[in-house]
Amino acid sequence: ALINLLDELNIPKCFLVGYSMGGRLALYLTLHFPERFYK
C-alpha cells in the first residue's frame, strides 16, 4: 500500500527512515522493493 501511495504521489525513489515498528516495515520495504529507496 505504501508503494502504491508513492506511485500516486509521483515519488519514484526516496530515502526511508523507520522507527521501531516503522523500522521493521522500512526493512521489509527495503528488502522487497529495493529499487524504490536510495538509502
ModelCIF file with pLDDT and N, C-alpha, C, O atoms, coordinates in Angstrom:
data_MODEL
#
_entry.id   MODEL 
#
_entity.id                         1 
_entity.type                       polymer 
_entity.pdbx_number_of_molecules   1 
#
_entity_poly.entity_id                      1 
_entity_poly.type                           'polypeptide(L)' 
_entity_poly.nstd_linkage                   no 
_entity_poly.nstd_monomer                   no 
_entity_poly.pdbx_seq_one_letter_code       ALINLLDELNIPKCFLVGYSMGGRLALYLTLHFPERFYK 
_entity_poly.pdbx_seq_one_letter_code_can   ALINLLDELNIPKCFLVGYSMGGRLALYLTLHFPERFYK 
_entity_poly.pdbx_strand_id                 A 
#
loop_
_entity_poly_seq.entity_id 
_entity_poly_seq.num 
_entity_poly_seq.mon_id 
_entity_poly_seq.hetero 
1 1  ALA n 
1 2  LEU n 
1 3  ILE n 
1 4  ASN n 
1 5  LEU n 
1 6  LEU n 
1 7  ASP n 
1 8  GLU n 
1 9  LEU n 
1 10 ASN n 
1 11 ILE n 
1 12 PRO n 
1 13 LYS n 
1 14 CYS n 
1 15 PHE n 
1 16 LEU n 
1 17 VAL n 
1 18 GLY n 
1 19 TYR n 
1 20 SER n 
1 21 MET n 
1 22 GLY n 
1 23 GLY n 
1 24 ARG n 
1 25 LEU n 
1 26 ALA n 
1 27 LEU n 
1 28 TYR n 
1 29 LEU n 
1 30 THR n 
1 31 LEU n 
1 32 HIS n 
1 33 PHE n 
1 34 PRO n 
1 35 GLU n 
1 36 ARG n 
1 37 PHE n 
1 38 TYR n 
1 39 LYS n 
#
_struct_asym.id          A 
_struct_asym.entity_id   1 
#
loop_
_ma_qa_metric.id 
_ma_qa_metric.mode 
_ma_qa_metric.name 
_ma_qa_metric.software_group_id 
_ma_qa_metric.type 
1 global pLDDT . pLDDT 
2 local  pLDDT . pLDDT 
#
_ma_qa_metric_global.metric_id      1 
_ma_qa_metric_global.metric_value   97.92 
_ma_qa_metric_global.model_id       1 
_ma_qa_metric_global.ordinal_id     1 
#
loop_
_ma_qa_metric_local.label_asym_id 
_ma_qa_metric_local.label_comp_id 
_ma_qa_metric_local.label_seq_id 
_ma_qa_metric_local.metric_id 
_ma_qa_metric_local.metric_value 
_ma_qa_metric_local.model_id 
_ma_qa_metric_local.ordinal_id 
A ALA 1  2 98.00 1 1  
A LEU 2  2 98.00 1 2  
A ILE 3  2 98.00 1 3  
A ASN 4  2 98.00 1 4  
A LEU 5  2 98.00 1 5  
A LEU 6  2 98.00 1 6  
A ASP 7  2 98.00 1 7  
A GLU 8  2 97.00 1 8  
A LEU 9  2 97.00 1 9  
A ASN 10 2 97.00 1 10 
A ILE 11 2 98.00 1 11 
A PRO 12 2 98.00 1 12 
A LYS 13 2 98.00 1 13 
A CYS 14 2 98.00 1 14 
A PHE 15 2 98.00 1 15 
A LEU 16 2 98.00 1 16 
A VAL 17 2 98.00 1 17 
A GLY 18 2 98.00 1 18 
A TYR 19 2 98.00 1 19 
A SER 20 2 98.00 1 20 
A MET 21 2 98.00 1 21 
A GLY 22 2 98.00 1 22 
A GLY 23 2 98.00 1 23 
A ARG 24 2 98.00 1 24 
A LEU 25 2 98.00 1 25 
A ALA 26 2 98.00 1 26 
A LEU 27 2 98.00 1 27 
A TYR 28 2 98.00 1 28 
A LEU 29 2 98.00 1 29 
A THR 30 2 98.00 1 30 
A LEU 31 2 98.00 1 31 
A HIS 32 2 98.00 1 32 
A PHE 33 2 98.00 1 33 
A PRO 34 2 98.00 1 34 
A GLU 35 2 98.00 1 35 
A ARG 36 2 98.00 1 36 
A PHE 37 2 98.00 1 37 
A TYR 38 2 98.00 1 38 
A LYS 39 2 98.00 1 39 
#
loop_
_atom_site.group_PDB 
_atom_site.id 
_atom_site.type_symbol 
_atom_site.label_atom_id 
_atom_site.label_alt_id 
_atom_site.label_comp_id 
_atom_site.label_asym_id 
_atom_site.label_entity_id 
_atom_site.label_seq_id 
_atom_site.pdbx_PDB_ins_code 
_atom_site.Cartn_x 
_atom_site.Cartn_y 
_atom_site.Cartn_z 
_atom_site.occupancy 
_atom_site.B_iso_or_equiv 
_atom_site.pdbx_formal_charge 
_atom_site.auth_seq_id 
_atom_site.auth_comp_id 
_atom_site.auth_asym_id 
_atom_site.auth_atom_id 
_atom_site.pdbx_PDB_model_num 
ATOM 1   N N  . ALA A 1 1  ? 0.826  -1.206 0.000  1.00 98.00 ? 1  ALA A N  1 
ATOM 2   C CA . ALA A 1 1  ? 0.000  0.000  0.000  1.00 98.00 ? 1  ALA A CA 1 
ATOM 3   C C  . ALA A 1 1  ? 0.862  1.259  0.000  1.00 98.00 ? 1  ALA A C  1 
ATOM 4   O O  . ALA A 1 1  ? 0.512  2.252  -0.639 1.00 98.00 ? 1  ALA A O  1 
ATOM 5   N N  . LEU A 1 2  ? 1.985  1.223  0.712  1.00 98.00 ? 2  LEU A N  1 
ATOM 6   C CA . LEU A 1 2  ? 2.880  2.385  0.737  1.00 98.00 ? 2  LEU A CA 1 
ATOM 7   C C  . LEU A 1 2  ? 3.561  2.584  -0.618 1.00 98.00 ? 2  LEU A C  1 
ATOM 8   O O  . LEU A 1 2  ? 3.754  3.719  -1.052 1.00 98.00 ? 2  LEU A O  1 
ATOM 9   N N  . ILE A 1 3  ? 3.921  1.503  -1.278 1.00 98.00 ? 3  ILE A N  1 
ATOM 10  C CA . ILE A 1 3  ? 4.479  1.620  -2.630 1.00 98.00 ? 3  ILE A CA 1 
ATOM 11  C C  . ILE A 1 3  ? 3.435  2.225  -3.566 1.00 98.00 ? 3  ILE A C  1 
ATOM 12  O O  . ILE A 1 3  ? 3.755  3.069  -4.403 1.00 98.00 ? 3  ILE A O  1 
ATOM 13  N N  . ASN A 1 4  ? 2.192  1.790  -3.417 1.00 98.00 ? 4  ASN A N  1 
ATOM 14  C CA . ASN A 1 4  ? 1.113  2.354  -4.243 1.00 98.00 ? 4  ASN A CA 1 
ATOM 15  C C  . ASN A 1 4  ? 0.933  3.843  -3.967 1.00 98.00 ? 4  ASN A C  1 
ATOM 16  O O  . ASN A 1 4  ? 0.681  4.627  -4.882 1.00 98.00 ? 4  ASN A O  1 
ATOM 17  N N  . LEU A 1 5  ? 1.067  4.231  -2.676 1.00 98.00 ? 5  LEU A N  1 
ATOM 18  C CA . LEU A 1 5  ? 0.944  5.640  -2.312 1.00 98.00 ? 5  LEU A CA 1 
ATOM 19  C C  . LEU A 1 5  ? 2.076  6.459  -2.922 1.00 98.00 ? 5  LEU A C  1 
ATOM 20  O O  . LEU A 1 5  ? 1.844  7.558  -3.428 1.00 98.00 ? 5  LEU A O  1 
ATOM 21  N N  . LEU A 1 6  ? 3.291  5.935  -2.878 1.00 98.00 ? 6  LEU A N  1 
ATOM 22  C CA . LEU A 1 6  ? 4.422  6.621  -3.518 1.00 98.00 ? 6  LEU A CA 1 
ATOM 23  C C  . LEU A 1 6  ? 4.163  6.803  -5.011 1.00 98.00 ? 6  LEU A C  1 
ATOM 24  O O  . LEU A 1 6  ? 4.485  7.848  -5.576 1.00 98.00 ? 6  LEU A O  1 
ATOM 25  N N  . ASP A 1 7  ? 3.585  5.789  -5.647 1.00 98.00 ? 7  ASP A N  1 
ATOM 26  C CA . ASP A 1 7  ? 3.240  5.905  -7.067 1.00 98.00 ? 7  ASP A CA 1 
ATOM 27  C C  . ASP A 1 7  ? 2.213  7.012  -7.294 1.00 98.00 ? 7  ASP A C  1 
ATOM 28  O O  . ASP A 1 7  ? 2.351  7.819  -8.213 1.00 98.00 ? 7  ASP A O  1 
ATOM 29  N N  . GLU A 1 8  ? 1.189  7.043  -6.452 1.00 97.00 ? 8  GLU A N  1 
ATOM 30  C CA . GLU A 1 8  ? 0.144  8.066  -6.577 1.00 97.00 ? 8  GLU A CA 1 
ATOM 31  C C  . GLU A 1 8  ? 0.714  9.468  -6.411 1.00 97.00 ? 8  GLU A C  1 
ATOM 32  O O  . GLU A 1 8  ? 0.261  10.412 -7.058 1.00 97.00 ? 8  GLU A O  1 
ATOM 33  N N  . LEU A 1 9  ? 1.711  9.596  -5.540 1.00 97.00 ? 9  LEU A N  1 
ATOM 34  C CA . LEU A 1 9  ? 2.311  10.902 -5.253 1.00 97.00 ? 9  LEU A CA 1 
ATOM 35  C C  . LEU A 1 9  ? 3.473  11.216 -6.191 1.00 97.00 ? 9  LEU A C  1 
ATOM 36  O O  . LEU A 1 9  ? 4.130  12.248 -6.055 1.00 97.00 ? 9  LEU A O  1 
ATOM 37  N N  . ASN A 1 10 ? 3.716  10.326 -7.137 1.00 97.00 ? 10 ASN A N  1 
ATOM 38  C CA . ASN A 1 10 ? 4.782  10.510 -8.127 1.00 97.00 ? 10 ASN A CA 1 
ATOM 39  C C  . ASN A 1 10 ? 6.154  10.654 -7.459 1.00 97.00 ? 10 ASN A C  1 
ATOM 40  O O  . ASN A 1 10 ? 6.936  11.548 -7.783 1.00 97.00 ? 10 ASN A O  1 
ATOM 41  N N  . ILE A 1 11 ? 6.417  9.740  -6.514 1.00 98.00 ? 11 ILE A N  1 
ATOM 42  C CA . ILE A 1 11 ? 7.720  9.677  -5.854 1.00 98.00 ? 11 ILE A CA 1 
ATOM 43  C C  . ILE A 1 11 ? 8.350  8.331  -6.241 1.00 98.00 ? 11 ILE A C  1 
ATOM 44  O O  . ILE A 1 11 ? 8.161  7.341  -5.535 1.00 98.00 ? 11 ILE A O  1 
ATOM 45  N N  . PRO A 1 12 ? 9.091  8.283  -7.347 1.00 98.00 ? 12 PRO A N  1 
ATOM 46  C CA . PRO A 1 12 ? 9.619  7.003  -7.817 1.00 98.00 ? 12 PRO A CA 1 
ATOM 47  C C  . PRO A 1 12 ? 10.697 6.415  -6.928 1.00 98.00 ? 12 PRO A C  1 
ATOM 48  O O  . PRO A 1 12 ? 10.869 5.197  -6.877 1.00 98.00 ? 12 PRO A O  1 
ATOM 49  N N  . LYS A 1 13 ? 11.442 7.295  -6.211 1.00 98.00 ? 13 LYS A N  1 
ATOM 50  C CA . LYS A 1 13 ? 12.532 6.837  -5.365 1.00 98.00 ? 13 LYS A CA 1 
ATOM 51  C C  . LYS A 1 13 ? 12.768 7.853  -4.261 1.00 98.00 ? 13 LYS A C  1 
ATOM 52  O O  . LYS A 1 13 ? 12.646 9.056  -4.490 1.00 98.00 ? 13 LYS A O  1 
ATOM 53  N N  . CYS A 1 14 ? 13.107 7.381  -3.059 1.00 98.00 ? 14 CYS A N  1 
ATOM 54  C CA . CYS A 1 14 ? 13.288 8.310  -1.939 1.00 98.00 ? 14 CYS A CA 1 
ATOM 55  C C  . CYS A 1 14 ? 14.209 7.691  -0.898 1.00 98.00 ? 14 CYS A C  1 
ATOM 56  O O  . CYS A 1 14 ? 14.582 6.521  -0.989 1.00 98.00 ? 14 CYS A O  1 
ATOM 57  N N  . PHE A 1 15 ? 14.567 8.498  0.091  1.00 98.00 ? 15 PHE A N  1 
ATOM 58  C CA . PHE A 1 15 ? 15.218 7.994  1.294  1.00 98.00 ? 15 PHE A CA 1 
ATOM 59  C C  . PHE A 1 15 ? 14.119 7.483  2.228  1.00 98.00 ? 15 PHE A C  1 
ATOM 60  O O  . PHE A 1 15 ? 12.960 7.882  2.110  1.00 98.00 ? 15 PHE A O  1 
ATOM 61  N N  . LEU A 1 16 ? 14.489 6.606  3.145  1.00 98.00 ? 16 LEU A N  1 
ATOM 62  C CA . LEU A 1 16 ? 13.499 5.992  4.032  1.00 98.00 ? 16 LEU A CA 1 
ATOM 63  C C  . LEU A 1 16 ? 14.047 5.942  5.451  1.00 98.00 ? 16 LEU A C  1 
ATOM 64  O O  . LEU A 1 16 ? 15.172 5.495  5.674  1.00 98.00 ? 16 LEU A O  1 
ATOM 65  N N  . VAL A 1 17 ? 13.248 6.403  6.406  1.00 98.00 ? 17 VAL A N  1 
ATOM 66  C CA . VAL A 1 17 ? 13.615 6.361  7.817  1.00 98.00 ? 17 VAL A CA 1 
ATOM 67  C C  . VAL A 1 17 ? 12.471 5.703  8.579  1.00 98.00 ? 17 VAL A C  1 
ATOM 68  O O  . VAL A 1 17 ? 11.323 6.133  8.472  1.00 98.00 ? 17 VAL A O  1 
ATOM 69  N N  . GLY A 1 18 ? 12.781 4.662  9.346  1.00 98.00 ? 18 GLY A N  1 
ATOM 70  C CA . GLY A 1 18 ? 11.740 3.975  10.111 1.00 98.00 ? 18 GLY A CA 1 
ATOM 71  C C  . GLY A 1 18 ? 12.159 3.746  11.542 1.00 98.00 ? 18 GLY A C  1 
ATOM 72  O O  . GLY A 1 18 ? 13.300 3.375  11.817 1.00 98.00 ? 18 GLY A O  1 
ATOM 73  N N  . TYR A 1 19 ? 11.224 3.970  12.459 1.00 98.00 ? 19 TYR A N  1 
ATOM 74  C CA . TYR A 1 19 ? 11.478 3.804  13.892 1.00 98.00 ? 19 TYR A CA 1 
ATOM 75  C C  . TYR A 1 19 ? 10.695 2.625  14.461 1.00 98.00 ? 19 TYR A C  1 
ATOM 76  O O  . TYR A 1 19 ? 9.475  2.565  14.312 1.00 98.00 ? 19 TYR A O  1 
ATOM 77  N N  . SER A 1 20 ? 11.386 1.682  15.114 1.00 98.00 ? 20 SER A N  1 
ATOM 78  C CA . SER A 1 20 ? 10.771 0.575  15.835 1.00 98.00 ? 20 SER A CA 1 
ATOM 79  C C  . SER A 1 20 ? 9.828  -0.221 14.921 1.00 98.00 ? 20 SER A C  1 
ATOM 80  O O  . SER A 1 20 ? 10.308 -0.841 13.972 1.00 98.00 ? 20 SER A O  1 
ATOM 81  N N  . MET A 1 21 ? 8.525  -0.231 15.159 1.00 98.00 ? 21 MET A N  1 
ATOM 82  C CA . MET A 1 21 ? 7.605  -0.915 14.245 1.00 98.00 ? 21 MET A CA 1 
ATOM 83  C C  . MET A 1 21 ? 7.766  -0.367 12.828 1.00 98.00 ? 21 MET A C  1 
ATOM 84  O O  . MET A 1 21 ? 7.787  -1.124 11.858 1.00 98.00 ? 21 MET A O  1 
ATOM 85  N N  . GLY A 1 22 ? 7.877  0.944  12.721 1.00 98.00 ? 22 GLY A N  1 
ATOM 86  C CA . GLY A 1 22 ? 8.101  1.553  11.410 1.00 98.00 ? 22 GLY A CA 1 
ATOM 87  C C  . GLY A 1 22 ? 9.429  1.147  10.808 1.00 98.00 ? 22 GLY A C  1 
ATOM 88  O O  . GLY A 1 22 ? 9.584  1.125  9.587  1.00 98.00 ? 22 GLY A O  1 
ATOM 89  N N  . GLY A 1 23 ? 10.404 0.820  11.677 1.00 98.00 ? 23 GLY A N  1 
ATOM 90  C CA . GLY A 1 23 ? 11.690 0.328  11.198 1.00 98.00 ? 23 GLY A CA 1 
ATOM 91  C C  . GLY A 1 23 ? 11.583 -1.081 10.638 1.00 98.00 ? 23 GLY A C  1 
ATOM 92  O O  . GLY A 1 23 ? 12.224 -1.411 9.639  1.00 98.00 ? 23 GLY A O  1 
ATOM 93  N N  . ARG A 1 24 ? 10.773 -1.911 11.283 1.00 98.00 ? 24 ARG A N  1 
ATOM 94  C CA . ARG A 1 24 ? 10.556 -3.264 10.743 1.00 98.00 ? 24 ARG A CA 1 
ATOM 95  C C  . ARG A 1 24 ? 9.879  -3.180 9.380  1.00 98.00 ? 24 ARG A C  1 
ATOM 96  O O  . ARG A 1 24 ? 10.223 -3.917 8.455  1.00 98.00 ? 24 ARG A O  1 
ATOM 97  N N  . LEU A 1 25 ? 8.913  -2.273 9.269  1.00 98.00 ? 25 LEU A N  1 
ATOM 98  C CA . LEU A 1 25 ? 8.241  -2.066 7.990  1.00 98.00 ? 25 LEU A CA 1 
ATOM 99  C C  . LEU A 1 25 ? 9.215  -1.508 6.956  1.00 98.00 ? 25 LEU A C  1 
ATOM 100 O O  . LEU A 1 25 ? 9.197  -1.917 5.795  1.00 98.00 ? 25 LEU A O  1 
ATOM 101 N N  . ALA A 1 26 ? 10.061 -0.575 7.380  1.00 98.00 ? 26 ALA A N  1 
ATOM 102 C CA . ALA A 1 26 ? 11.049 0.008  6.467  1.00 98.00 ? 26 ALA A CA 1 
ATOM 103 C C  . ALA A 1 26 ? 12.008 -1.064 5.949  1.00 98.00 ? 26 ALA A C  1 
ATOM 104 O O  . ALA A 1 26 ? 12.374 -1.054 4.773  1.00 98.00 ? 26 ALA A O  1 
ATOM 105 N N  . LEU A 1 27 ? 12.416 -1.983 6.817  1.00 98.00 ? 27 LEU A N  1 
ATOM 106 C CA . LEU A 1 27 ? 13.309 -3.050 6.381  1.00 98.00 ? 27 LEU A CA 1 
ATOM 107 C C  . LEU A 1 27 ? 12.603 -3.981 5.403  1.00 98.00 ? 27 LEU A C  1 
ATOM 108 O O  . LEU A 1 27 ? 13.195 -4.418 4.416  1.00 98.00 ? 27 LEU A O  1 
ATOM 109 N N  . TYR A 1 28 ? 11.345 -4.280 5.676  1.00 98.00 ? 28 TYR A N  1 
ATOM 110 C CA . TYR A 1 28 ? 10.575 -5.109 4.745  1.00 98.00 ? 28 TYR A CA 1 
ATOM 111 C C  . TYR A 1 28 ? 10.501 -4.433 3.366  1.00 98.00 ? 28 TYR A C  1 
ATOM 112 O O  . TYR A 1 28 ? 10.694 -5.085 2.340  1.00 98.00 ? 28 TYR A O  1 
ATOM 113 N N  . LEU A 1 29 ? 10.225 -3.139 3.353  1.00 98.00 ? 29 LEU A N  1 
ATOM 114 C CA . LEU A 1 29 ? 10.176 -2.383 2.095  1.00 98.00 ? 29 LEU A CA 1 
ATOM 115 C C  . LEU A 1 29 ? 11.522 -2.422 1.380  1.00 98.00 ? 29 LEU A C  1 
ATOM 116 O O  . LEU A 1 29 ? 11.585 -2.607 0.165  1.00 98.00 ? 29 LEU A O  1 
ATOM 117 N N  . THR A 1 30 ? 12.589 -2.249 2.140  1.00 98.00 ? 30 THR A N  1 
ATOM 118 C CA . THR A 1 30 ? 13.945 -2.236 1.571  1.00 98.00 ? 30 THR A CA 1 
ATOM 119 C C  . THR A 1 30 ? 14.268 -3.542 0.881  1.00 98.00 ? 30 THR A C  1 
ATOM 120 O O  . THR A 1 30 ? 14.824 -3.551 -0.217 1.00 98.00 ? 30 THR A O  1 
ATOM 121 N N  . LEU A 1 31 ? 13.920 -4.651 1.526  1.00 98.00 ? 31 LEU A N  1 
ATOM 122 C CA . LEU A 1 31 ? 14.278 -5.963 1.003  1.00 98.00 ? 31 LEU A CA 1 
ATOM 123 C C  . LEU A 1 31 ? 13.369 -6.437 -0.123 1.00 98.00 ? 31 LEU A C  1 
ATOM 124 O O  . LEU A 1 31 ? 13.764 -7.279 -0.929 1.00 98.00 ? 31 LEU A O  1 
ATOM 125 N N  . HIS A 1 32 ? 12.155 -5.900 -0.182 1.00 98.00 ? 32 HIS A N  1 
ATOM 126 C CA . HIS A 1 32 ? 11.209 -6.334 -1.209 1.00 98.00 ? 32 HIS A CA 1 
ATOM 127 C C  . HIS A 1 32 ? 11.042 -5.334 -2.354 1.00 98.00 ? 32 HIS A C  1 
ATOM 128 O O  . HIS A 1 32 ? 10.613 -5.707 -3.446 1.00 98.00 ? 32 HIS A O  1 
ATOM 129 N N  . PHE A 1 33 ? 11.377 -4.077 -2.109 1.00 98.00 ? 33 PHE A N  1 
ATOM 130 C CA . PHE A 1 33 ? 11.271 -3.045 -3.149 1.00 98.00 ? 33 PHE A CA 1 
ATOM 131 C C  . PHE A 1 33 ? 12.543 -2.190 -3.165 1.00 98.00 ? 33 PHE A C  1 
ATOM 132 O O  . PHE A 1 33 ? 12.461 -0.968 -3.038 1.00 98.00 ? 33 PHE A O  1 
ATOM 133 N N  . PRO A 1 34 ? 13.717 -2.815 -3.319 1.00 98.00 ? 34 PRO A N  1 
ATOM 134 C CA . PRO A 1 34 ? 14.984 -2.082 -3.185 1.00 98.00 ? 34 PRO A CA 1 
ATOM 135 C C  . PRO A 1 34 ? 15.163 -0.964 -4.205 1.00 98.00 ? 34 PRO A C  1 
ATOM 136 O O  . PRO A 1 34 ? 15.876 0.007  -3.952 1.00 98.00 ? 34 PRO A O  1 
ATOM 137 N N  . GLU A 1 35 ? 14.521 -1.103 -5.348 1.00 98.00 ? 35 GLU A N  1 
ATOM 138 C CA . GLU A 1 35 ? 14.672 -0.091 -6.401 1.00 98.00 ? 35 GLU A CA 1 
ATOM 139 C C  . GLU A 1 35 ? 14.009 1.228  -6.049 1.00 98.00 ? 35 GLU A C  1 
ATOM 140 O O  . GLU A 1 35 ? 14.204 2.221  -6.751 1.00 98.00 ? 35 GLU A O  1 
ATOM 141 N N  . ARG A 1 36 ? 13.227 1.260  -4.974 1.00 98.00 ? 36 ARG A N  1 
ATOM 142 C CA . ARG A 1 36 ? 12.483 2.466  -4.614 1.00 98.00 ? 36 ARG A CA 1 
ATOM 143 C C  . ARG A 1 36 ? 13.203 3.361  -3.597 1.00 98.00 ? 36 ARG A C  1 
ATOM 144 O O  . ARG A 1 36 ? 12.728 4.452  -3.280 1.00 98.00 ? 36 ARG A O  1 
ATOM 145 N N  . PHE A 1 37 ? 14.358 2.892  -3.084 1.00 98.00 ? 37 PHE A N  1 
ATOM 146 C CA . PHE A 1 37 ? 14.998 3.626  -1.997 1.00 98.00 ? 37 PHE A CA 1 
ATOM 147 C C  . PHE A 1 37 ? 16.494 3.809  -2.240 1.00 98.00 ? 37 PHE A C  1 
ATOM 148 O O  . PHE A 1 37 ? 17.204 2.865  -2.585 1.00 98.00 ? 37 PHE A O  1 
ATOM 149 N N  . TYR A 1 38 ? 16.959 5.060  -2.049 1.00 98.00 ? 38 TYR A N  1 
ATOM 150 C CA . TYR A 1 38 ? 18.379 5.372  -2.195 1.00 98.00 ? 38 TYR A CA 1 
ATOM 151 C C  . TYR A 1 38 ? 19.173 4.793  -1.024 1.00 98.00 ? 38 TYR A C  1 
ATOM 152 O O  . TYR A 1 38 ? 20.104 4.010  -1.211 1.00 98.00 ? 38 TYR A O  1 
ATOM 153 N N  . LYS A 1 39 ? 18.789 5.189  0.166  1.00 98.00 ? 39 LYS A N  1 
ATOM 154 C CA . LYS A 1 39 ? 19.415 4.742  1.404  1.00 98.00 ? 39 LYS A CA 1 
ATOM 155 C C  . LYS A 1 39 ? 18.323 4.645  2.469  1.00 98.00 ? 39 LYS A C  1 
ATOM 156 O O  . LYS A 1 39 ? 18.604 4.285  3.611  1.00 98.00 ? 39 LYS A O  1 
#
